[in-house]
Protein backbone atom coordinates (compact mmCIF):
# COMPACT_ATOMS: atom_id res chain seq x y z
CA MET A 1 96.07 80.21 94.20
CA SER A 2 95.87 77.03 91.56
CA GLN A 3 96.20 78.06 88.38
CA GLY A 4 93.88 75.31 87.02
CA PHE A 5 90.45 77.12 86.95
CA SER A 6 87.91 78.16 84.18
CA ILE A 7 86.95 82.03 83.28
CA LEU A 8 83.71 83.00 81.02
CA LEU A 9 84.90 86.09 78.72
CA ILE A 10 81.28 87.61 77.40
CA ASP A 11 82.52 90.42 75.17
CA ASP A 12 81.20 90.39 71.16
CA ASN A 13 84.17 92.11 70.28
CA PRO A 14 86.95 89.61 68.85
CA GLY A 15 90.02 92.07 69.35
CA ASP A 16 89.36 93.15 72.67
CA ARG A 17 88.95 89.10 73.51
CA LEU A 18 91.75 88.51 72.01
CA LEU A 19 93.61 91.05 73.70
CA ALA A 20 92.09 89.54 77.34
CA ILE A 21 93.18 86.65 76.37
CA ARG A 22 96.53 87.41 75.82
CA GLU A 23 96.98 89.18 79.09
CA LEU A 24 94.92 86.17 81.02
CA LYS A 25 96.46 83.55 79.52
CA ARG A 26 100.36 85.46 80.80
CA GLU A 27 99.58 85.67 84.20
CA PHE A 28 97.65 82.20 84.15
CA PRO A 29 98.95 79.77 81.74
CA GLN A 30 96.92 77.27 82.22
CA VAL A 31 93.89 79.03 82.46
CA GLN A 32 90.35 78.10 80.62
CA ILE A 33 88.36 80.55 78.85
CA GLN A 34 85.02 80.28 77.48
CA GLU A 35 84.18 82.68 74.55
CA ILE A 36 80.63 84.00 74.99
CA ARG A 37 79.23 86.28 71.95
CA GLU A 38 75.79 85.45 71.98
CA ALA A 39 72.96 84.83 74.29
CA GLU A 40 72.49 81.38 72.82
CA SER A 41 76.13 80.39 74.11
CA PHE A 42 75.27 82.58 77.62
CA ALA A 43 72.27 80.63 78.83
CA GLN A 44 74.39 77.03 77.79
CA ALA A 45 77.30 78.52 79.89
CA VAL A 46 75.18 79.50 82.82
CA ALA A 47 73.01 76.35 82.72
CA THR A 48 76.03 74.16 82.76
CA GLY A 49 78.36 76.29 85.62
CA THR A 50 81.79 75.14 84.75
CA PHE A 51 83.38 78.30 85.32
CA ASN A 52 85.13 79.67 88.37
CA LEU A 53 84.84 83.66 86.92
CA VAL A 54 83.10 85.54 84.50
CA ILE A 55 84.41 88.70 82.51
CA THR A 56 81.83 90.94 80.82
CA ASP A 57 81.98 93.67 79.19
CA TYR A 58 78.82 96.01 79.20
CA GLN A 59 78.18 96.96 75.84
CA LEU A 60 76.75 93.82 74.19
CA GLY A 61 74.59 93.44 71.09
CA TRP A 62 72.52 90.67 73.12
CA SER A 63 72.42 92.55 76.46
CA ASN A 64 74.35 94.51 78.73
CA GLY A 65 76.82 93.80 81.42
CA LEU A 66 74.44 94.57 84.23
CA GLU A 67 71.86 91.96 82.89
CA VAL A 68 74.72 89.32 82.36
CA LEU A 69 75.75 90.24 86.47
CA ARG A 70 71.81 90.04 88.04
CA THR A 71 71.39 87.02 86.12
CA LEU A 72 74.72 85.27 87.18
CA LYS A 73 74.58 86.61 90.65
CA ALA A 74 70.91 84.83 90.56
CA ARG A 75 72.32 81.61 89.86
CA TYR A 76 75.74 81.73 90.81
CA PRO A 77 75.61 84.26 93.83
CA THR A 78 79.08 83.47 94.92
CA ARG A 79 81.02 83.52 91.75
CA PRO A 80 83.06 86.35 91.43
CA VAL A 81 82.27 88.93 88.21
CA ILE A 82 84.41 91.36 86.52
CA MET A 83 83.33 94.11 84.10
CA PHE A 84 85.77 94.48 81.41
CA THR A 85 84.46 97.77 79.67
CA ASN A 86 84.85 101.21 77.72
CA THR A 87 81.09 101.85 77.45
CA GLY A 88 80.39 101.91 81.35
CA SER A 89 79.66 105.00 83.77
CA GLU A 90 80.32 105.59 87.10
CA GLU A 91 76.55 104.98 87.47
CA ILE A 92 76.83 101.66 85.69
CA ALA A 93 79.79 101.29 87.76
CA VAL A 94 78.04 102.12 91.00
CA GLU A 95 74.64 100.19 90.52
CA SER A 96 76.94 97.14 89.39
CA MET A 97 79.07 97.20 92.71
CA LYS A 98 75.77 97.39 94.24
CA ALA A 99 74.10 94.50 92.37
CA GLY A 100 77.42 92.21 92.87
CA LEU A 101 80.03 93.18 91.08
CA ASN A 102 83.52 92.27 91.87
CA ASP A 103 85.31 94.25 89.93
CA TYR A 104 84.90 97.21 87.86
CA VAL A 105 88.32 97.68 84.95
CA LEU A 106 88.57 100.28 81.82
CA LYS A 107 89.14 98.22 78.62
CA GLN A 108 91.91 100.79 78.05
CA PRO A 109 95.42 99.74 76.07
CA ASN A 110 97.65 100.78 79.71
CA ARG A 111 94.71 98.65 82.11
CA TYR A 112 95.20 95.19 80.59
CA VAL A 113 97.54 94.04 83.00
CA ARG A 114 95.49 95.30 85.64
CA LEU A 115 92.63 92.59 84.59
CA ALA A 116 94.88 89.95 85.60
CA ALA A 117 95.73 91.54 89.19
CA ALA A 118 91.69 91.90 89.03
CA VAL A 119 91.19 88.59 88.28
CA ARG A 120 93.62 87.51 90.92
CA VAL A 121 91.80 89.59 93.69
CA ALA A 122 88.48 88.25 92.78
CA LEU A 123 89.76 84.53 93.24
CA GLU A 124 91.90 84.87 96.13
CA ARG A 125 89.20 86.62 97.88
CA VAL A 126 86.77 83.71 97.50
CA GLU A 127 89.14 81.26 98.59
CA ALA A 128 89.48 83.25 101.56
CA GLU A 129 85.81 83.41 102.28
CA GLN A 130 85.55 79.92 101.81
CA ARG A 131 88.29 79.51 104.25
CA ALA A 132 86.54 81.55 106.17
CA ALA A 133 82.84 79.82 105.60
CA ARG A 134 85.09 76.17 107.07
CA LEU A 135 86.68 78.35 109.75
CA ASP A 136 82.95 79.46 110.93
CA LEU A 137 81.97 75.77 111.12
CA ARG A 138 84.70 74.65 113.15
CA LEU A 139 83.89 77.35 115.63
CA GLN A 140 80.42 76.43 115.99
CA ALA A 141 81.53 72.86 116.71
CA LEU A 142 83.94 74.02 119.60
CA LEU A 143 80.33 76.95 120.71
CA ASN A 144 78.71 73.53 121.76
CA GLN A 145 81.31 72.82 124.43
CA LEU A 146 81.29 76.50 125.72
CA ASN A 147 79.67 78.13 128.51
CA VAL A 148 77.30 79.89 126.24
CA GLY A 149 73.58 80.50 126.71
CA VAL A 150 72.16 77.12 125.81
CA PHE A 151 67.87 76.80 125.02
CA ARG A 152 65.17 74.67 123.93
CA SER A 153 61.66 75.36 122.39
CA ASP A 154 59.22 73.34 120.89
CA ALA A 155 57.57 73.49 117.52
CA ASN A 156 55.37 76.26 118.96
CA GLY A 157 58.02 78.84 120.05
CA ASN A 158 57.65 78.07 123.79
CA LEU A 159 60.54 77.83 125.68
CA LEU A 160 61.12 74.34 127.44
CA GLU A 161 64.27 75.24 128.96
CA CYS A 162 67.18 76.97 129.59
CA ASN A 163 70.61 77.49 130.99
CA PRO A 164 71.80 80.58 133.35
CA ALA A 165 74.36 82.19 130.82
CA LEU A 166 70.95 82.96 128.76
CA LEU A 167 69.31 85.16 131.82
CA ASN A 168 73.02 86.99 131.96
CA VAL A 169 73.26 87.48 128.49
CA LEU A 170 69.74 88.54 128.15
CA GLY A 171 69.88 90.62 131.62
CA VAL A 172 66.54 88.77 132.75
CA ASP A 173 65.94 86.61 135.95
CA SER A 174 63.66 84.14 134.52
CA ILE A 175 62.68 81.54 131.79
CA ALA A 176 59.45 83.60 131.12
CA GLN A 177 61.23 87.24 130.73
CA ALA A 178 63.36 85.13 128.95
CA GLN A 179 60.65 84.07 126.40
CA ALA A 180 59.60 87.81 126.65
CA VAL A 181 62.67 89.59 125.31
CA LEU A 182 64.63 86.57 123.05
CA PRO A 183 65.32 88.39 119.67
CA LEU A 184 64.33 85.07 117.60
CA ASP A 185 60.92 84.22 116.48
CA LEU A 186 61.62 80.89 118.18
CA ARG A 187 58.08 79.20 116.32
CA GLN A 188 59.11 81.30 112.66
CA GLN A 189 62.78 79.44 113.25
CA TYR A 190 61.57 76.28 113.57
CA LEU A 191 59.42 76.22 110.69
CA GLN A 192 62.21 77.50 108.09
CA LEU A 193 64.63 74.72 110.09
CA ALA A 194 61.96 72.12 108.97
CA ARG A 195 61.89 72.51 105.36
CA LEU A 196 65.49 72.24 105.21
CA VAL A 197 67.16 68.80 104.82
CA PRO A 198 69.45 67.29 107.50
CA PRO A 199 71.23 68.72 109.42
CA GLN A 200 69.04 71.21 110.24
CA HIS A 201 70.68 74.16 111.62
CA GLN A 202 71.21 77.92 110.89
CA HIS A 203 73.17 80.74 112.16
CA GLN A 204 72.61 84.27 112.36
CA GLU A 205 73.80 87.35 114.20
CA THR A 206 71.77 90.26 115.33
CA GLN A 207 72.43 93.13 117.93
CA ILE A 208 70.27 93.50 120.95
CA GLN A 209 70.10 95.96 123.97
CA GLY A 210 72.58 94.28 126.32
CA SER A 211 70.61 94.21 130.26
CA ASP A 212 73.15 97.79 130.86
CA GLY A 213 71.02 99.01 128.21
CA LYS A 214 74.35 99.16 126.03
CA PRO A 215 73.75 97.78 122.25
CA MET A 216 75.32 94.48 122.01
CA TRP A 217 75.99 91.92 118.96
CA VAL A 218 75.03 88.67 119.93
CA VAL A 219 75.10 85.39 117.39
CA PHE A 220 71.99 82.76 117.49
CA SER A 221 73.07 78.62 116.69
CA THR A 222 69.72 77.22 116.24
CA MET A 223 68.94 73.02 115.05
CA LEU A 224 66.12 70.72 115.32
CA ASN A 225 66.95 67.77 117.37
CA PRO A 226 64.43 64.72 118.31
CA VAL A 227 63.97 64.03 121.86
CA ASP A 228 61.90 60.81 122.68
CA ASP A 229 58.70 61.35 120.32
CA GLU A 230 58.81 64.89 119.23
CA THR A 231 61.15 67.87 117.25
CA VAL A 232 62.43 70.05 119.38
CA LEU A 233 64.40 73.41 118.58
CA ASP A 234 67.87 73.73 120.52
CA GLY A 235 69.92 76.96 120.62
CA LEU A 236 72.53 78.73 121.08
CA ILE A 237 73.19 82.31 121.84
CA GLU A 238 76.83 83.97 122.29
CA ASP A 239 78.19 87.51 122.78
CA ILE A 240 80.16 88.36 120.50
CA THR A 241 80.55 92.57 120.56
CA GLU A 242 84.15 92.02 120.95
CA ARG A 243 84.40 89.73 117.64
CA LYS A 244 81.81 92.46 115.98
CA ARG A 245 84.63 95.23 117.12
CA ALA A 246 87.52 93.60 116.22
CA GLU A 247 85.49 92.19 112.96
CA MET A 248 84.80 96.32 112.04
CA GLN A 249 88.12 97.55 113.00
CA LEU A 250 90.15 94.44 110.39
CA GLN A 251 87.82 95.76 107.85
CA HIS A 252 88.88 99.13 108.10
CA LEU A 253 92.68 98.09 108.00
CA ASN A 254 91.99 95.98 104.86
CA GLU A 255 89.86 98.58 103.17
CA VAL A 256 93.27 101.32 104.06
CA LEU A 257 95.50 98.14 102.76
CA GLU A 258 93.38 97.64 99.74
CA GLY A 259 93.58 101.84 98.72
CA ARG A 260 97.36 101.29 99.24
CA VAL A 261 98.04 98.22 97.24
CA THR A 262 95.82 99.64 94.22
CA GLU A 263 97.84 103.04 95.13
CA ARG A 264 101.44 101.54 95.20
CA THR A 265 99.95 99.03 92.29
CA ALA A 266 99.28 101.90 89.85
CA GLN A 267 102.66 103.37 90.40
CA LEU A 268 104.66 100.32 89.56
CA GLU A 269 102.79 99.91 86.94
CA ALA A 270 103.87 103.36 86.00
CA THR A 271 107.15 103.02 86.72
CA ASN A 272 107.78 99.35 84.86
CA ARG A 273 105.90 101.62 81.95
CA GLU A 274 109.05 104.15 82.17
CA LEU A 275 111.89 101.79 82.65
CA GLU A 276 110.63 99.44 79.33
CA SER A 277 110.28 102.65 77.58
CA THR A 278 113.85 104.40 78.68
CA ASN A 279 115.08 100.78 78.05
CA GLN A 280 113.54 100.35 74.17
CA ARG A 281 115.35 103.88 73.61
CA LEU A 282 118.81 103.05 74.56
CA ALA A 283 118.82 99.66 73.13
CA THR A 284 117.91 101.66 69.89
CA ALA A 285 120.28 104.48 69.94
CA ASN A 286 123.19 102.05 71.15
CA GLN A 287 122.63 100.14 68.12
CA ASN A 288 122.18 103.17 66.25
CA LEU A 289 124.59 104.70 67.50
CA GLN A 290 126.86 101.78 66.62
CA ASP A 291 126.02 100.93 63.63
CA PHE A 292 126.52 104.66 62.24
CA ALA A 293 130.32 104.68 63.79
CA TYR A 294 131.04 101.30 61.85
CA SER A 295 129.24 102.58 58.82
CA VAL A 296 131.75 105.86 59.25
CA SER A 297 134.53 104.06 59.83
CA HIS A 298 134.62 101.28 57.38
CA ASP A 299 132.45 103.88 54.60
CA LEU A 300 134.30 107.51 54.93
CA ARG A 301 137.47 106.43 56.46
CA ALA A 302 139.01 104.89 53.08
CA PRO A 303 138.47 107.51 51.17
CA LEU A 304 139.32 110.31 53.72
CA ARG A 305 142.31 108.89 53.95
CA ALA A 306 143.41 109.03 50.32
CA ILE A 307 142.50 113.13 50.10
CA GLN A 308 144.83 113.01 53.03
CA ALA A 309 147.85 110.98 51.21
CA PHE A 310 146.66 113.02 47.84
CA ALA A 311 147.04 116.57 49.46
CA GLN A 312 150.39 115.50 51.27
CA ILE A 313 152.18 114.49 48.11
CA LEU A 314 150.99 117.63 46.49
CA LEU A 315 152.46 119.86 50.01
CA GLU A 316 155.95 117.58 49.25
CA GLU A 317 155.92 117.25 45.70
CA HIS A 318 154.10 120.09 44.10
CA THR A 319 154.41 123.14 45.90
CA ASN A 320 156.11 125.07 43.80
CA GLN A 321 153.06 124.82 41.38
CA LEU A 322 150.50 126.42 43.81
CA ASP A 323 150.70 130.12 44.86
CA ALA A 324 150.38 130.73 48.71
CA ILE A 325 146.77 130.75 49.00
CA GLY A 326 146.73 127.46 47.12
CA GLN A 327 148.96 125.94 49.38
CA ASP A 328 147.28 128.02 52.62
CA TYR A 329 144.08 125.84 51.20
CA LEU A 330 146.15 122.38 50.23
CA GLN A 331 147.30 122.79 53.99
CA ARG A 332 143.90 123.46 55.38
CA ILE A 333 142.67 120.45 53.65
CA TYR A 334 145.34 118.08 55.11
CA VAL A 335 144.86 119.58 58.50
CA ASP A 336 140.43 119.15 58.07
CA THR A 337 141.34 115.66 57.39
CA GLN A 338 143.48 114.79 59.84
CA GLN A 339 140.74 116.41 62.25
CA THR A 340 137.72 114.54 60.83
CA ASP A 341 139.68 111.14 61.03
CA ARG A 342 140.51 111.50 64.76
CA LEU A 343 137.11 112.13 64.65
CA ILE A 344 136.19 108.99 63.44
CA GLN A 345 138.03 106.91 65.46
CA ASP A 346 136.75 108.64 68.79
CA LEU A 347 133.28 107.88 67.82
CA LEU A 348 134.13 104.09 67.39
CA ALA A 349 136.01 103.76 69.66
CA TYR A 350 132.81 105.13 72.45
CA SER A 351 130.57 103.06 70.04
CA GLN A 352 132.58 100.00 71.36
CA LEU A 353 133.09 101.02 74.55
CA SER A 354 128.77 101.47 74.99
CA GLN A 355 128.88 97.96 73.85
CA ALA A 356 131.65 95.60 75.14
CA ASP A 357 131.68 93.59 77.75
CA ILE A 358 134.54 94.45 79.68
CA PRO A 359 136.40 91.75 81.73
CA LEU A 360 137.42 93.22 85.26
CA GLN A 361 139.95 92.00 86.91
CA PRO A 362 142.63 93.85 89.88
CA ILE A 363 145.08 95.98 88.31
CA ASP A 364 148.07 97.83 89.68
CA LEU A 365 147.17 101.55 89.41
CA GLU A 366 150.04 103.58 89.79
CA ARG A 367 152.04 101.07 87.09
CA VAL A 368 149.18 101.67 84.88
CA VAL A 369 149.70 105.82 85.77
CA THR A 370 153.66 105.27 84.58
CA SER A 371 152.72 103.32 81.73
CA VAL A 372 150.34 106.45 80.61
CA LEU A 373 152.73 108.97 81.16
CA MET A 374 155.68 106.84 79.04
CA GLN A 375 153.34 106.68 76.42
CA LEU A 376 152.62 110.61 76.54
CA ALA A 377 156.68 111.30 76.95
CA PRO A 378 157.08 113.15 73.39
CA GLU A 379 153.61 114.65 73.77
CA LEU A 380 154.86 116.02 77.35
CA GLU A 381 158.13 117.26 76.22
CA GLN A 382 156.77 119.29 72.67
CA ARG A 383 155.04 121.25 75.46
CA GLN A 384 157.37 121.63 78.30
CA ALA A 385 154.72 119.97 80.33
CA ARG A 386 155.87 119.41 83.98
CA VAL A 387 153.74 116.10 85.99
CA VAL A 388 154.42 115.50 89.51
CA VAL A 389 152.71 111.66 90.56
CA GLU A 390 152.90 111.76 94.58
CA PRO A 391 153.52 107.98 95.30
CA PHE A 392 150.53 105.59 96.54
CA THR A 393 149.95 101.95 95.73
CA GLY A 394 146.49 100.31 95.18
CA MET A 395 144.65 96.92 93.49
CA ALA A 396 141.27 98.49 91.31
CA ILE A 397 139.29 96.78 89.70
CA ALA A 398 139.20 97.80 86.05
CA ASP A 399 140.42 96.48 82.58
CA ARG A 400 143.63 97.79 81.63
CA LEU A 401 143.13 98.94 78.32
CA THR A 402 140.02 101.07 79.22
CA LEU A 403 141.98 102.66 82.14
CA THR A 404 144.88 103.23 79.97
CA GLN A 405 142.32 104.94 77.45
CA VAL A 406 140.85 106.73 80.21
CA LEU A 407 143.80 107.96 81.63
CA THR A 408 145.33 109.08 78.62
CA ASN A 409 142.46 110.90 77.67
CA LEU A 410 142.14 112.83 81.02
CA LEU A 411 146.18 113.69 81.10
CA THR A 412 145.82 114.75 77.47
CA ASN A 413 143.38 117.28 78.71
CA ALA A 414 145.11 118.04 80.86
CA ILE A 415 148.16 119.63 78.91
CA LYS A 416 145.93 121.12 76.29
CA PHE A 417 143.59 123.42 77.88
CA VAL A 418 145.55 125.97 79.23
CA ALA A 419 146.09 129.68 78.93
CA PRO A 420 148.83 130.48 76.05
CA GLY A 421 151.77 131.28 77.40
CA VAL A 422 151.46 129.16 80.48
CA GLN A 423 153.52 125.95 81.25
CA PRO A 424 151.11 123.01 81.69
CA GLN A 425 151.49 121.69 85.39
CA VAL A 426 149.70 118.47 86.37
CA ARG A 427 149.80 116.84 89.38
CA LEU A 428 148.36 113.01 90.87
CA TRP A 429 148.13 111.35 93.39
CA ALA A 430 145.27 108.49 95.18
CA GLU A 431 142.92 108.22 98.10
CA THR A 432 141.15 105.45 99.78
CA ARG A 433 137.98 105.85 100.74
CA GLY A 434 136.37 102.34 102.03
CA ASP A 435 136.14 99.75 99.78
CA ARG A 436 136.91 102.29 96.40
CA ILE A 437 140.29 103.90 95.18
CA ARG A 438 139.97 107.65 93.93
CA LEU A 439 142.48 108.66 91.96
CA TRP A 440 142.83 112.77 91.03
CA ILE A 441 144.29 115.02 88.21
CA ALA A 442 145.35 118.06 89.35
CA ASP A 443 146.12 121.00 86.48
CA ASN A 444 146.65 124.60 86.09
CA GLY A 445 144.33 125.16 83.16
CA ILE A 446 141.78 127.65 82.19
CA GLY A 447 138.98 125.76 84.27
CA ILE A 448 135.54 124.69 84.27
CA ALA A 449 131.84 126.72 84.56
CA PRO A 450 130.10 124.99 87.16
CA GLU A 451 127.44 125.28 84.54
CA ALA A 452 129.21 123.19 82.31
CA GLN A 453 130.86 120.71 84.35
CA GLN A 454 127.94 117.75 83.35
CA ARG A 455 127.60 118.59 79.28
CA ILE A 456 131.47 118.27 78.72
CA PHE A 457 131.23 114.63 79.79
CA ASN A 458 128.33 114.34 76.56
CA VAL A 459 129.22 113.20 73.29
CA PHE A 460 130.30 116.60 70.42
CA GLU A 461 129.87 118.85 73.85
CA ARG A 462 132.70 121.57 73.16
CA LEU A 463 133.35 124.77 75.25
CA HIS A 464 135.88 126.39 73.44
CA GLY A 465 136.30 126.79 69.80
CA GLY A 466 138.55 124.57 67.96
CA GLU A 467 141.00 127.22 66.10
CA VAL A 468 142.46 127.74 70.00
CA TYR A 469 141.97 124.29 71.86
CA PRO A 470 141.33 121.80 68.93
CA GLY A 471 139.98 118.15 69.44
CA THR A 472 136.63 116.40 68.74
CA GLY A 473 134.08 116.47 71.76
CA ILE A 474 134.45 112.98 72.48
CA GLY A 475 137.31 112.53 74.92
CA LEU A 476 135.68 112.91 78.07
CA ALA A 477 132.44 111.05 76.72
CA ILE A 478 134.77 108.34 76.23
CA VAL A 479 136.34 108.77 79.82
CA ARG A 480 132.62 108.63 81.03
CA LYS A 481 131.77 105.79 79.28
CA GLY A 482 135.24 103.75 80.08
CA ILE A 483 134.50 104.36 83.68
CA GLU A 484 131.09 103.60 84.08
CA GLN A 485 132.13 100.00 81.89
CA MET A 486 134.36 99.65 84.95
CA ASN A 487 131.22 100.20 87.47
CA GLY A 488 133.10 103.05 88.48
CA GLN A 489 131.98 106.72 88.80
CA ILE A 490 133.92 110.10 87.69
CA GLY A 491 134.09 113.92 88.52
CA VAL A 492 135.39 117.37 88.47
CA GLU A 493 136.02 120.04 90.62
CA SER A 494 136.68 123.57 89.12
CA GLN A 495 136.44 127.40 88.72
CA PRO A 496 136.92 129.79 85.60
CA GLY A 497 141.00 130.42 85.94
CA GLN A 498 141.73 127.97 88.72
CA GLY A 499 142.30 124.55 87.24
CA SER A 500 140.62 122.01 87.30
CA ARG A 501 140.64 118.69 89.37
CA PHE A 502 139.32 115.81 87.87
CA TRP A 503 138.81 112.30 89.85
CA ILE A 504 138.16 108.69 89.10
CA GLU A 505 136.79 106.44 91.47
CA LEU A 506 136.97 102.53 91.14
CA SER A 507 136.22 99.14 93.29
CA LEU A 508 139.43 98.60 95.26
CA ALA A 509 140.57 94.90 95.08
C-alpha cells in the first residue's frame, strides 16, 4: 500500500485531532491530512474530492457522523469512511455500517493505535476491490472466446438468434422457449445501455432455476453493437454456480480470518502495553537502585568508617576508662558499623552488576574454582571446613571477575550455614549437558525449606536471624544477578536438615 495518500479528518475537537494525527503520522509518515472543523470546509472538501479516505467523529457541532457518512457515500460510494468517536452507541454503529461505514473505532486512549490499523485495512480493501474489478473485466474478455450461451435481440427485446449452449443453460429446446424463460428483460436492458456512453455494456449476476429444477447462478454480459443498419443487443450467459459457492466459502473463510486477526491484534496490543510498562518499571527501578547505591557508598561510608575508627581507638586505648557495660556497648557499635559497611558494599556490588555490560569469553572453570578456594583458605581453615573438588574439565562462557564473586558467595554460604558444632563439608563437581556445563556445590548445612528456595535469591531476603548466621541478605541476590549477566542459570535442591545442593549452569565454550 502506498503511503502517499490523503485523509479527510472531520472532528471539531482540536485535542482529539492532534492525537489522531500523531498516530496516523507515526504509521504513515507521507500521509496528507486535511482537518475539517465546520460545515463550510466540509462542503468544499466534498466538492473538491481530493482525498482517499475519511475519518469522522459522530458528535459534531454542526452535524453528526451518520449524516456526514451519507453525504460522502452519495457522492463517493467507494471511498472508505471510518467513524472514530466516543459518543456513539451500538445502534448508531449498526446504522452506520448499513449506510456503508467501513469501520467503527472507539475514541479511547488505548484505541488510538487501532485507528492506524483501521486505515490500513480500509485502504488495502479498496485496493483489493479495485484489483478484483480489473480482473473481472479481463475475465469478461476471455468469456467471449469460451463455449458459453450467446444470444442476440433487437431493440424491442425479441430474440433473433442464440447458440445451443444458451438452450442447454436454460433447459429449453427452442429459441421461442428461451424467449419465454429468459430471466432478463431484453427491451429494458437495451434502453438502459442506449443511455450509456460507449462502450455500452453491462454485467450482472442472478439466480435462476436450472433445467433439473435446482437453483443455479448465471452471469449475464450484455452490450450494444451496430449490425448493418441497426443496433442490436448481444449477450453472453454462463453458469457460475460453482464459482458462487466458492465465493461464499471464501467469504466465510475471510470472516473467520478477520475475526482471528482482530483477536490476535488485540492480544498483541495488550502484550506490548504490558511489556512497555514492565520495561519502564524495571528501568526506573534499576536506575533508582544504582543512584541509591552510589549515594549510600559515597555519602554514608565515609562517616561510617570514621565511627568505626573512633570505636576501635576507644577499644584499644581507653578501655580502662569504661566499665563493662560501656565496653559492651562500644564493642556492639564497632561490630554494627562493620556489618553496615559490608551491607553498603554488597548493595553497590549488586547495583554495578545490574547495570554492567559484562564482556564474556571462554574461562577455565576448574582454574577459577581453584583460585577461589585459595582466596578462602584462611576462612576455610578457621571454620575447619573440608572441601572436596572432583576433577573435571570444561571451558565456560563467562566473565572471570563475576564468576569469582559468584563462587565466593556460594562457598562462603556453604561453610557458614551449618548447625552448631558440625564440621562444614563441601563437595564440588561438574557435568556437561549438551552445550551447557553445570557446576554443583553441595554442603552438609541446615538446608532450605522448598517454599523458601526461590525467595533466597531476592535482595534482603534472610531466613535466619543475624545473631546466629550474620550476613547482609544480598549475597545470593548478587549470585543470581551475576549468573543472569553471563546468560546462565542458577538453582538449588534442598531439604531442611539435609544440606543443600546449589548449581550454576553456563554455556559451554
